Amino acid sequence: LQHGTRLVWLVLPDRAAAEVCRQGDDGTVDYEFVGPDGS
């Protein structure tokens, strides 16, 4: 994200889930958990 990627997905096989990562306006990274029933 700091080098220009706009969106990162971290896929978590052991949980059948993912984490969505975005860079906030203040430069910090925001993480959003997406559970097995999510998209």
PDB file of all heavy atoms in Angstrom:
ATOM      1  N   LEU A   1       0.823  -1.208   0.000  1.00  0.00           N
ATOM      2  CA  LEU A   1       0.000   0.000   0.000  1.00  0.00           C
ATOM      3  C   LEU A   1       0.861   1.263   0.000  1.00  0.00           C
ATOM      4  O   LEU A   1       0.550   2.233  -0.694  1.00  0.00           O
ATOM      5  CB  LEU A   1      -0.953  -0.019   1.199  1.00  0.00           C
ATOM      6  CG  LEU A   1      -2.040  -1.104   1.139  1.00  0.00           C
ATOM      7  CD1 LEU A   1      -2.719  -1.258   2.498  1.00  0.00           C
ATOM      8  CD2 LEU A   1      -3.058  -0.821   0.047  1.00  0.00           C
ATOM      9  N   GLN A   2       1.938   1.261   0.751  1.00  0.00           N
ATOM     10  CA  GLN A   2       2.817   2.438   0.811  1.00  0.00           C
ATOM     11  C   GLN A   2       3.528   2.686  -0.513  1.00  0.00           C
ATOM     12  O   GLN A   2       3.978   3.796  -0.777  1.00  0.00           O
ATOM     13  CB  GLN A   2       3.842   2.274   1.932  1.00  0.00           C
ATOM     14  CG  GLN A   2       3.238   2.352   3.304  1.00  0.00           C
ATOM     15  CD  GLN A   2       4.163   1.799   4.384  1.00  0.00           C
ATOM     16  OE1 GLN A   2       5.244   1.291   4.103  1.00  0.00           O
ATOM     17  NE2 GLN A   2       3.715   1.887   5.625  1.00  0.00           N
ATOM     18  N   HIS A   3       3.642   1.651  -1.346  1.00  0.00           N
ATOM     19  CA  HIS A   3       4.354   1.795  -2.622  1.00  0.00           C
ATOM     20  C   HIS A   3       3.431   1.856  -3.833  1.00  0.00           C
ATOM     21  O   HIS A   3       3.891   1.746  -4.962  1.00  0.00           O
ATOM     22  CB  HIS A   3       5.386   0.672  -2.765  1.00  0.00           C
ATOM     23  CG  HIS A   3       6.555   0.870  -1.857  1.00  0.00           C
ATOM     24  ND1 HIS A   3       6.563   0.409  -0.561  1.00  0.00           N
ATOM     25  CD2 HIS A   3       7.726   1.515  -2.042  1.00  0.00           C
ATOM     26  CE1 HIS A   3       7.703   0.759   0.003  1.00  0.00           C
ATOM     27  NE2 HIS A   3       8.427   1.430  -0.865  1.00  0.00           N
ATOM     28  N   GLY A   4       2.117   2.026  -3.608  1.00  0.00           N
ATOM     29  CA  GLY A   4       1.222   2.282  -4.736  1.00  0.00           C
ATOM     30  C   GLY A   4       0.117   1.287  -4.996  1.00  0.00           C
ATOM     31  O   GLY A   4      -0.750   1.539  -5.830  1.00  0.00           O
ATOM     32  N   THR A   5       0.124   0.145  -4.323  1.00  0.00           N
ATOM     33  CA  THR A   5      -0.987  -0.796  -4.481  1.00  0.00           C
ATOM     34  C   THR A   5      -2.215  -0.171  -3.822  1.00  0.00           C
ATOM     35  O   THR A   5      -2.124   0.445  -2.761  1.00  0.00           O
ATOM     36  CB  THR A   5      -0.635  -2.154  -3.827  1.00  0.00           C
ATOM     37  OG1 THR A   5       0.482  -2.701  -4.537  1.00  0.00           O
ATOM     38  CG2 THR A   5      -1.805  -3.130  -3.885  1.00  0.00           C
ATOM     39  N   ARG A   6      -3.360  -0.326  -4.451  1.00  0.00           N
ATOM     40  CA  ARG A   6      -4.565   0.334  -3.944  1.00  0.00           C
ATOM     41  C   ARG A   6      -5.393  -0.542  -3.005  1.00  0.00           C
ATOM     42  O   ARG A   6      -6.154  -0.025  -2.186  1.00  0.00           O
ATOM     43  CB  ARG A   6      -5.405   0.798  -5.125  1.00  0.00           C
ATOM     44  CG  ARG A   6      -4.663   1.855  -5.922  1.00  0.00           C
ATOM     45  CD  ARG A   6      -5.263   2.194  -7.261  1.00  0.00           C
ATOM     46  NE  ARG A   6      -6.697   2.295  -7.281  1.00  0.00           N
ATOM     47  CZ  ARG A   6      -7.426   2.074  -8.362  1.00  0.00           C
ATOM     48  NH1 ARG A   6      -6.852   1.738  -9.493  1.00  0.00           N
ATOM     49  NH2 ARG A   6      -8.723   2.188  -8.329  1.00  0.00           N
ATOM     50  N   LEU A   7      -5.262  -1.870  -3.128  1.00  0.00           N
ATOM     51  CA  LEU A   7      -6.078  -2.776  -2.339  1.00  0.00           C
ATOM     52  C   LEU A   7      -5.297  -4.069  -2.118  1.00  0.00           C
ATOM     53  O   LEU A   7      -4.655  -4.571  -3.046  1.00  0.00           O
ATOM     54  CB  LEU A   7      -7.380  -3.081  -3.094  1.00  0.00           C
ATOM     55  CG  LEU A   7      -8.427  -3.964  -2.451  1.00  0.00           C
ATOM     56  CD1 LEU A   7      -9.001  -3.325  -1.184  1.00  0.00           C
ATOM     57  CD2 LEU A   7      -9.561  -4.237  -3.447  1.00  0.00           C
ATOM     58  N   VAL A   8      -5.339  -4.593  -0.886  1.00  0.00           N
ATOM     59  CA  VAL A   8      -4.664  -5.857  -0.577  1.00  0.00           C
ATOM     60  C   VAL A   8      -5.657  -6.776   0.119  1.00  0.00           C
ATOM     61  O   VAL A   8      -6.381  -6.344   1.025  1.00  0.00           O
ATOM     62  CB  VAL A   8      -3.434  -5.639   0.339  1.00  0.00           C
ATOM     63  CG1 VAL A   8      -2.782  -6.982   0.685  1.00  0.00           C
ATOM     64  CG2 VAL A   8      -2.412  -4.715  -0.320  1.00  0.00           C
ATOM     65  N   TRP A   9      -5.683  -8.028  -0.342  1.00  0.00           N
ATOM     66  CA  TRP A   9      -6.469  -9.063   0.343  1.00  0.00           C
ATOM     67  C   TRP A   9      -5.498 -10.036   0.990  1.00  0.00           C
ATOM     68  O   TRP A   9      -4.592 -10.550   0.331  1.00  0.00           O
ATOM     69  CB  TRP A   9      -7.337  -9.847  -0.630  1.00  0.00           C
ATOM     70  CG  TRP A   9      -8.398  -9.070  -1.343  1.00  0.00           C
ATOM     71  CD1 TRP A   9      -8.974  -7.890  -0.966  1.00  0.00           C
ATOM     72  CD2 TRP A   9      -9.008  -9.435  -2.586  1.00  0.00           C
ATOM     73  NE1 TRP A   9      -9.908  -7.497  -1.899  1.00  0.00           N
ATOM     74  CE2 TRP A   9      -9.951  -8.429  -2.905  1.00  0.00           C
ATOM     75  CE3 TRP A   9      -8.850 -10.506  -3.456  1.00  0.00           C
ATOM     76  CZ2 TRP A   9     -10.735  -8.480  -4.051  1.00  0.00           C
ATOM     77  CZ3 TRP A   9      -9.627 -10.552  -4.600  1.00  0.00           C
ATOM     78  CH2 TRP A   9     -10.563  -9.552  -4.883  1.00  0.00           C
ATOM     79  N   LEU A  10      -5.706 -10.305   2.270  1.00  0.00           N
ATOM     80  CA  LEU A  10      -4.963 -11.343   2.970  1.00  0.00           C
ATOM     81  C   LEU A  10      -5.924 -12.516   3.145  1.00  0.00           C
ATOM     82  O   LEU A  10      -6.932 -12.392   3.841  1.00  0.00           O
ATOM     83  CB  LEU A  10      -4.474 -10.843   4.334  1.00  0.00           C
ATOM     84  CG  LEU A  10      -3.593  -9.594   4.320  1.00  0.00           C
ATOM     85  CD1 LEU A  10      -3.237  -9.182   5.749  1.00  0.00           C
ATOM     86  CD2 LEU A  10      -2.348  -9.815   3.486  1.00  0.00           C
ATOM     87  N   VAL A  11      -5.637 -13.625   2.491  1.00  0.00           N
ATOM     88  CA  VAL A  11      -6.516 -14.789   2.528  1.00  0.00           C
ATOM     89  C   VAL A  11      -6.053 -15.719   3.647  1.00  0.00           C
ATOM     90  O   VAL A  11      -4.870 -16.043   3.738  1.00  0.00           O
ATOM     91  CB  VAL A  11      -6.525 -15.505   1.150  1.00  0.00           C
ATOM     92  CG1 VAL A  11      -7.370 -16.762   1.194  1.00  0.00           C
ATOM     93  CG2 VAL A  11      -7.025 -14.545   0.069  1.00  0.00           C
ATOM     94  N   LEU A  12      -6.994 -16.132   4.476  1.00  0.00           N
ATOM     95  CA  LEU A  12      -6.702 -16.903   5.685  1.00  0.00           C
ATOM     96  C   LEU A  12      -7.327 -18.295   5.572  1.00  0.00           C
ATOM     97  O   LEU A  12      -8.462 -18.514   6.009  1.00  0.00           O
ATOM     98  CB  LEU A  12      -7.251 -16.166   6.913  1.00  0.00           C
ATOM     99  CG  LEU A  12      -6.911 -14.662   6.982  1.00  0.00           C
ATOM    100  CD1 LEU A  12      -7.639 -13.990   8.125  1.00  0.00           C
ATOM    101  CD2 LEU A  12      -5.408 -14.461   7.069  1.00  0.00           C
ATOM    102  N   PRO A  13      -6.606 -19.254   4.985  1.00  0.00           N
ATOM    103  CA  PRO A  13      -7.174 -20.588   4.751  1.00  0.00           C
ATOM    104  C   PRO A  13      -7.648 -21.296   6.011  1.00  0.00           C
ATOM    105  O   PRO A  13      -8.668 -21.981   5.979  1.00  0.00           O
ATOM    106  CB  PRO A  13      -6.025 -21.367   4.106  1.00  0.00           C
ATOM    107  CG  PRO A  13      -5.115 -20.345   3.563  1.00  0.00           C
ATOM    108  CD  PRO A  13      -5.251 -19.150   4.458  1.00  0.00           C
ATOM    109  N   ASP A  14      -6.931 -21.122   7.127  1.00  0.00           N
ATOM    110  CA  ASP A  14      -7.306 -21.824   8.354  1.00  0.00           C
ATOM    111  C   ASP A  14      -8.632 -21.332   8.926  1.00  0.00           C
ATOM    112  O   ASP A  14      -9.235 -21.999   9.762  1.00  0.00           O
ATOM    113  CB  ASP A  14      -6.191 -21.710   9.403  1.00  0.00           C
ATOM    114  CG  ASP A  14      -5.762 -20.285   9.684  1.00  0.00           C
ATOM    115  OD1 ASP A  14      -5.998 -19.397   8.833  1.00  0.00           O
ATOM    116  OD2 ASP A  14      -5.173 -20.040  10.752  1.00  0.00           O
ATOM    117  N   ARG A  15      -9.112 -20.186   8.457  1.00  0.00           N
ATOM    118  CA  ARG A  15     -10.382 -19.630   8.935  1.00  0.00           C
ATOM    119  C   ARG A  15     -11.417 -19.521   7.822  1.00  0.00           C
ATOM    120  O   ARG A  15     -12.521 -19.037   8.061  1.00  0.00           O
ATOM    121  CB  ARG A  15     -10.132 -18.255   9.548  1.00  0.00           C
ATOM    122  CG  ARG A  15      -9.175 -18.333  10.743  1.00  0.00           C
ATOM    123  CD  ARG A  15      -8.837 -16.985  11.297  1.00  0.00           C
ATOM    124  NE  ARG A  15      -9.984 -16.433  12.001  1.00  0.00           N
ATOM    125  CZ  ARG A  15      -9.986 -15.227  12.538  1.00  0.00           C
ATOM    126  NH1 ARG A  15      -8.921 -14.462  12.478  1.00  0.00           N
ATOM    127  NH2 ARG A  15     -11.056 -14.768  13.150  1.00  0.00           N
ATOM    128  N   ALA A  16     -11.047 -19.905   6.582  1.00  0.00           N
ATOM    129  CA  ALA A  16     -11.914 -19.734   5.403  1.00  0.00           C
ATOM    130  C   ALA A  16     -12.410 -18.283   5.351  1.00  0.00           C
ATOM    131  O   ALA A  16     -13.575 -18.014   5.079  1.00  0.00           O
ATOM    132  CB  ALA A  16     -13.074 -20.727   5.411  1.00  0.00           C
ATOM    133  N   ALA A  17     -11.478 -17.375   5.600  1.00  0.00           N
ATOM    134  CA  ALA A  17     -11.813 -15.959   5.711  1.00  0.00           C
ATOM    135  C   ALA A  17     -10.736 -15.123   5.021  1.00  0.00           C
ATOM    136  O   ALA A  17      -9.809 -15.664   4.410  1.00  0.00           O
ATOM    137  CB  ALA A  17     -11.933 -15.585   7.187  1.00  0.00           C
ATOM    138  N   ALA A  18     -10.872 -13.805   5.147  1.00  0.00           N
ATOM    139  CA  ALA A  18      -9.888 -12.898   4.549  1.00  0.00           C
ATOM    140  C   ALA A  18      -9.853 -11.606   5.356  1.00  0.00           C
ATOM    141  O   ALA A  18     -10.735 -11.335   6.171  1.00  0.00           O
ATOM    142  CB  ALA A  18     -10.241 -12.612   3.097  1.00  0.00           C
ATOM    143  N   GLU A  19      -8.820 -10.840   5.099  1.00  0.00           N
ATOM    144  CA  GLU A  19      -8.705  -9.507   5.667  1.00  0.00           C
ATOM    145  C   GLU A  19      -8.456  -8.563   4.498  1.00  0.00           C
ATOM    146  O   GLU A  19      -7.583  -8.817   3.669  1.00  0.00           O
ATOM    147  CB  GLU A  19      -7.553  -9.476   6.669  1.00  0.00           C
ATOM    148  CG  GLU A  19      -7.637  -8.324   7.624  1.00  0.00           C
ATOM    149  CD  GLU A  19      -6.675  -8.475   8.794  1.00  0.00           C
ATOM    150  OE1 GLU A  19      -5.511  -8.066   8.639  1.00  0.00           O
ATOM    151  OE2 GLU A  19      -7.087  -8.996   9.845  1.00  0.00           O
ATOM    152  N   VAL A  20      -9.235  -7.508   4.425  1.00  0.00           N
ATOM    153  CA  VAL A  20      -9.094  -6.509   3.364  1.00  0.00           C
ATOM    154  C   VAL A  20      -8.303  -5.345   3.940  1.00  0.00           C
ATOM    155  O   VAL A  20      -8.625  -4.832   5.018  1.00  0.00           O
ATOM    156  CB  VAL A  20     -10.478  -6.040   2.852  1.00  0.00           C
ATOM    157  CG1 VAL A  20     -10.324  -4.964   1.792  1.00  0.00           C
ATOM    158  CG2 VAL A  20     -11.278  -7.227   2.307  1.00  0.00           C
ATOM    159  N   CYS A  21      -7.259  -4.931   3.220  1.00  0.00           N
ATOM    160  CA  CYS A  21      -6.367  -3.872   3.697  1.00  0.00           C
ATOM    161  C   CYS A  21      -6.415  -2.699   2.723  1.00  0.00           C
ATOM    162  O   CYS A  21      -6.276  -2.876   1.513  1.00  0.00           O
ATOM    163  CB  CYS A  21      -4.930  -4.385   3.793  1.00  0.00           C
ATOM    164  SG  CYS A  21      -4.768  -5.954   4.648  1.00  0.00           S
ATOM    165  N   ARG A  22      -6.613  -1.519   3.299  1.00  0.00           N
ATOM    166  CA  ARG A  22      -6.641  -0.284   2.509  1.00  0.00           C
ATOM    167  C   ARG A  22      -5.822   0.774   3.239  1.00  0.00           C
ATOM    168  O   ARG A  22      -5.777   0.774   4.471  1.00  0.00           O
ATOM    169  CB  ARG A  22      -8.061   0.248   2.375  1.00  0.00           C
ATOM    170  CG  ARG A  22      -9.057  -0.681   1.786  1.00  0.00           C
ATOM    171  CD  ARG A  22     -10.483  -0.066   1.929  1.00  0.00           C
ATOM    172  NE  ARG A  22     -11.478  -1.063   1.728  1.00  0.00           N
ATOM    173  CZ  ARG A  22     -11.980  -1.861   2.669  1.00  0.00           C
ATOM    174  NH1 ARG A  22     -11.562  -1.770   3.910  1.00  0.00           N
ATOM    175  NH2 ARG A  22     -12.910  -2.733   2.383  1.00  0.00           N
ATOM    176  N   GLN A  23      -5.242   1.681   2.475  1.00  0.00           N
ATOM    177  CA  GLN A  23      -4.509   2.776   3.111  1.00  0.00           C
ATOM    178  C   GLN A  23      -5.475   3.917   3.369  1.00  0.00           C
ATOM    179  O   GLN A  23      -6.180   4.375   2.463  1.00  0.00           O
ATOM    180  CB  GLN A  23      -3.357   3.244   2.226  1.00  0.00           C
ATOM    181  CG  GLN A  23      -2.445   4.198   2.948  1.00  0.00           C
ATOM    182  CD  GLN A  23      -1.077   4.279   2.314  1.00  0.00           C
ATOM    183  OE1 GLN A  23      -0.848   3.755   1.248  1.00  0.00           O
ATOM    184  NE2 GLN A  23      -0.158   4.935   2.984  1.00  0.00           N
ATOM    185  N   GLY A  24      -5.520   4.365   4.629  1.00  0.00           N
ATOM    186  CA  GLY A  24      -6.389   5.478   4.996  1.00  0.00           C
ATOM    187  C   GLY A  24      -5.821   6.800   4.521  1.00  0.00           C
ATOM    188  O   GLY A  24      -4.657   6.898   4.115  1.00  0.00           O
ATOM    189  N   ASP A  25      -6.636   7.821   4.594  1.00  0.00           N
ATOM    190  CA  ASP A  25      -6.217   9.159   4.172  1.00  0.00           C
ATOM    191  C   ASP A  25      -5.036   9.675   4.975  1.00  0.00           C
ATOM    192  O   ASP A  25      -4.231  10.469   4.485  1.00  0.00           O
ATOM    193  CB  ASP A  25      -7.381  10.148   4.293  1.00  0.00           C
ATOM    194  CG  ASP A  25      -8.505   9.839   3.311  1.00  0.00           C
ATOM    195  OD1 ASP A  25      -8.225   9.218   2.253  1.00  0.00           O
ATOM    196  OD2 ASP A  25      -9.663  10.209   3.606  1.00  0.00           O
ATOM    197  N   ASP A  26      -4.890   9.201   6.220  1.00  0.00           N
ATOM    198  CA  ASP A  26      -3.794   9.647   7.071  1.00  0.00           C
ATOM    199  C   ASP A  26      -2.540   8.788   6.923  1.00  0.00           C
ATOM    200  O   ASP A  26      -1.573   8.959   7.658  1.00  0.00           O
ATOM    201  CB  ASP A  26      -4.236   9.674   8.536  1.00  0.00           C
ATOM    202  CG  ASP A  26      -4.650   8.304   9.047  1.00  0.00           C
ATOM    203  OD1 ASP A  26      -4.669   7.330   8.261  1.00  0.00           O
ATOM    204  OD2 ASP A  26      -4.959   8.203  10.253  1.00  0.00           O
ATOM    205  N   GLY A  27      -2.556   7.833   5.957  1.00  0.00           N
ATOM    206  CA  GLY A  27      -1.387   6.991   5.715  1.00  0.00           C
ATOM    207  C   GLY A  27      -1.367   5.701   6.514  1.00  0.00           C
ATOM    208  O   GLY A  27      -0.532   4.844   6.264  1.00  0.00           O
ATOM    209  N   THR A  28      -2.264   5.562   7.480  1.00  0.00           N
ATOM    210  CA  THR A  28      -2.327   4.316   8.244  1.00  0.00           C
ATOM    211  C   THR A  28      -3.064   3.264   7.419  1.00  0.00           C
ATOM    212  O   THR A  28      -3.779   3.583   6.472  1.00  0.00           O
ATOM    213  CB  THR A  28      -3.042   4.510   9.593  1.00  0.00           C
ATOM    214  OG1 THR A  28      -4.384   4.939   9.339  1.00  0.00           O
ATOM    215  CG2 THR A  28      -2.318   5.512  10.464  1.00  0.00           C
ATOM    216  N   VAL A  29      -2.884   2.015   7.791  1.00  0.00           N
ATOM    217  CA  VAL A  29      -3.557   0.929   7.081  1.00  0.00           C
ATOM    218  C   VAL A  29      -4.785   0.506   7.872  1.00  0.00           C
ATOM    219  O   VAL A  29      -4.715   0.294   9.085  1.00  0.00           O
ATOM    220  CB  VAL A  29      -2.605  -0.273   6.879  1.00  0.00           C
ATOM    221  CG1 VAL A  29      -3.321  -1.419   6.173  1.00  0.00           C
ATOM    222  CG2 VAL A  29      -1.382   0.156   6.079  1.00  0.00           C
ATOM    223  N   ASP A  30      -5.908   0.419   7.167  1.00  0.00           N
ATOM    224  CA  ASP A  30      -7.150  -0.054   7.763  1.00  0.00           C
ATOM    225  C   ASP A  30      -7.337  -1.512   7.376  1.00  0.00           C
ATOM    226  O   ASP A  30      -7.122  -1.887   6.220  1.00  0.00           O
ATOM    227  CB  ASP A  30      -8.344   0.761   7.241  1.00  0.00           C
ATOM    228  CG  ASP A  30      -8.238   2.240   7.588  1.00  0.00           C
ATOM    229  OD1 ASP A  30      -7.805   2.551   8.720  1.00  0.00           O
ATOM    230  OD2 ASP A  30      -8.579   3.071   6.725  1.00  0.00           O
ATOM    231  N   TYR A  31      -7.729  -2.336   8.357  1.00  0.00           N
ATOM    232  CA  TYR A  31      -7.934  -3.764   8.142  1.00  0.00           C
ATOM    233  C   TYR A  31      -9.395  -4.091   8.399  1.00  0.00           C
ATOM    234  O   TYR A  31      -9.948  -3.694   9.425  1.00  0.00           O
ATOM    235  CB  TYR A  31      -7.061  -4.588   9.107  1.00  0.00           C
ATOM    236  CG  TYR A  31      -5.584  -4.281   8.991  1.00  0.00           C
ATOM    237  CD1 TYR A  31      -4.970  -3.394   9.864  1.00  0.00           C
ATOM    238  CD2 TYR A  31      -4.809  -4.872   7.998  1.00  0.00           C
ATOM    239  CE1 TYR A  31      -3.623  -3.104   9.759  1.00  0.00           C
ATOM    240  CE2 TYR A  31      -3.457  -4.591   7.888  1.00  0.00           C
ATOM    241  CZ  TYR A  31      -2.870  -3.703   8.772  1.00  0.00           C
ATOM    242  OH  TYR A  31      -1.541  -3.420   8.669  1.00  0.00           O
ATOM    243  N   GLU A  32      -9.994  -4.831   7.482  1.00  0.00           N
ATOM    244  CA  GLU A  32     -11.391  -5.250   7.638  1.00  0.00           C
ATOM    245  C   GLU A  32     -11.460  -6.760   7.509  1.00  0.00           C
ATOM    246  O   GLU A  32     -11.090  -7.317   6.473  1.00  0.00           O
ATOM    247  CB  GLU A  32     -12.269  -4.597   6.566  1.00  0.00           C
ATOM    248  CG  GLU A  32     -13.703  -5.039   6.604  1.00  0.00           C
ATOM    249  CD  GLU A  32     -14.512  -4.548   5.412  1.00  0.00           C
ATOM    250  OE1 GLU A  32     -14.014  -3.718   4.625  1.00  0.00           O
ATOM    251  OE2 GLU A  32     -15.654  -5.030   5.259  1.00  0.00           O
ATOM    252  N   PHE A  33     -11.941  -7.424   8.557  1.00  0.00           N
ATOM    253  CA  PHE A  33     -12.087  -8.878   8.538  1.00  0.00           C
ATOM    254  C   PHE A  33     -13.346  -9.249   7.759  1.00  0.00           C
ATOM    255  O   PHE A  33     -14.401  -8.651   7.937  1.00  0.00           O
ATOM    256  CB  PHE A  33     -12.174  -9.419   9.972  1.00  0.00           C
ATOM    257  CG  PHE A  33     -12.323 -10.910  10.023  1.00  0.00           C
ATOM    258  CD1 PHE A  33     -11.223 -11.736   9.840  1.00  0.00           C
ATOM    259  CD2 PHE A  33     -13.558 -11.493  10.241  1.00  0.00           C
ATOM    260  CE1 PHE A  33     -11.347 -13.118   9.876  1.00  0.00           C
ATOM    261  CE2 PHE A  33     -13.695 -12.872  10.286  1.00  0.00           C
ATOM    262  CZ  PHE A  33     -12.599 -13.687  10.102  1.00  0.00           C
ATOM    263  N   VAL A  34     -13.211 -10.242   6.879  1.00  0.00           N
ATOM    264  CA  VAL A  34     -14.343 -10.765   6.116  1.00  0.00           C
ATOM    265  C   VAL A  34     -14.457 -12.246   6.449  1.00  0.00           C
ATOM    266  O   VAL A  34     -13.548 -13.026   6.152  1.00  0.00           O
ATOM    267  CB  VAL A  34     -14.141 -10.571   4.587  1.00  0.00           C
ATOM    268  CG1 VAL A  34     -15.326 -11.140   3.819  1.00  0.00           C
ATOM    269  CG2 VAL A  34     -13.916  -9.102   4.248  1.00  0.00           C
ATOM    270  N   GLY A  35     -15.549 -12.619   7.099  1.00  0.00           N
ATOM    271  CA  GLY A  35     -15.743 -13.990   7.542  1.00  0.00           C
ATOM    272  C   GLY A  35     -16.157 -14.929   6.418  1.00  0.00           C
ATOM    273  O   GLY A  35     -16.380 -14.504   5.273  1.00  0.00           O
ATOM    274  N   PRO A  36     -16.293 -16.210   6.742  1.00  0.00           N
ATOM    275  CA  PRO A  36     -16.604 -17.237   5.740  1.00  0.00           C
ATOM    276  C   PRO A  36     -17.888 -16.990   4.947  1.00  0.00           C
ATOM    277  O   PRO A  36     -18.013 -17.457   3.823  1.00  0.00           O
ATOM    278  CB  PRO A  36     -16.723 -18.525   6.564  1.00  0.00           C
ATOM    279  CG  PRO A  36     -15.961 -18.265   7.813  1.00  0.00           C
ATOM    280  CD  PRO A  36     -16.073 -16.791   8.069  1.00  0.00           C
ATOM    281  N   ASP A  37     -18.833 -16.243   5.530  1.00  0.00           N
ATOM    282  CA  ASP A  37     -20.079 -15.959   4.819  1.00  0.00           C
ATOM    283  C   ASP A  37     -20.009 -14.652   4.030  1.00  0.00           C
ATOM    284  O   ASP A  37     -20.997 -14.249   3.406  1.00  0.00           O
ATOM    285  CB  ASP A  37     -21.245 -15.894   5.809  1.00  0.00           C
ATOM    286  CG  ASP A  37     -21.506 -17.242   6.461  1.00  0.00           C
ATOM    287  OD1 ASP A  37     -21.253 -18.278   5.811  1.00  0.00           O
ATOM    288  OD2 ASP A  37     -21.934 -17.251   7.634  1.00  0.00           O
ATOM    289  N   GLY A  38     -18.852 -13.996   4.055  1.00  0.00           N
ATOM    290  CA  GLY A  38     -18.703 -12.710   3.388  1.00  0.00           C
ATOM    291  C   GLY A  38     -18.165 -12.828   1.980  1.00  0.00           C
ATOM    292  O   GLY A  38     -17.980 -13.918   1.438  1.00  0.00           O
ATOM    293  N   SER A  39     -17.900 -11.662   1.376  1.00  0.00           N
ATOM    294  CA  SER A  39     -17.415 -11.583  -0.001  1.00  0.00           C
ATOM    295  C   SER A  39     -16.248 -10.620  -0.094  1.00  0.00           C
ATOM    296  O   SER A  39     -16.165  -9.659   0.668  1.00  0.00           O
ATOM    297  CB  SER A  39     -18.518 -11.068  -0.928  1.00  0.00           C
ATOM    298  OG  SER A  39     -19.605 -11.946  -0.962  1.00  0.00           O
TER     299      SER A  39
END
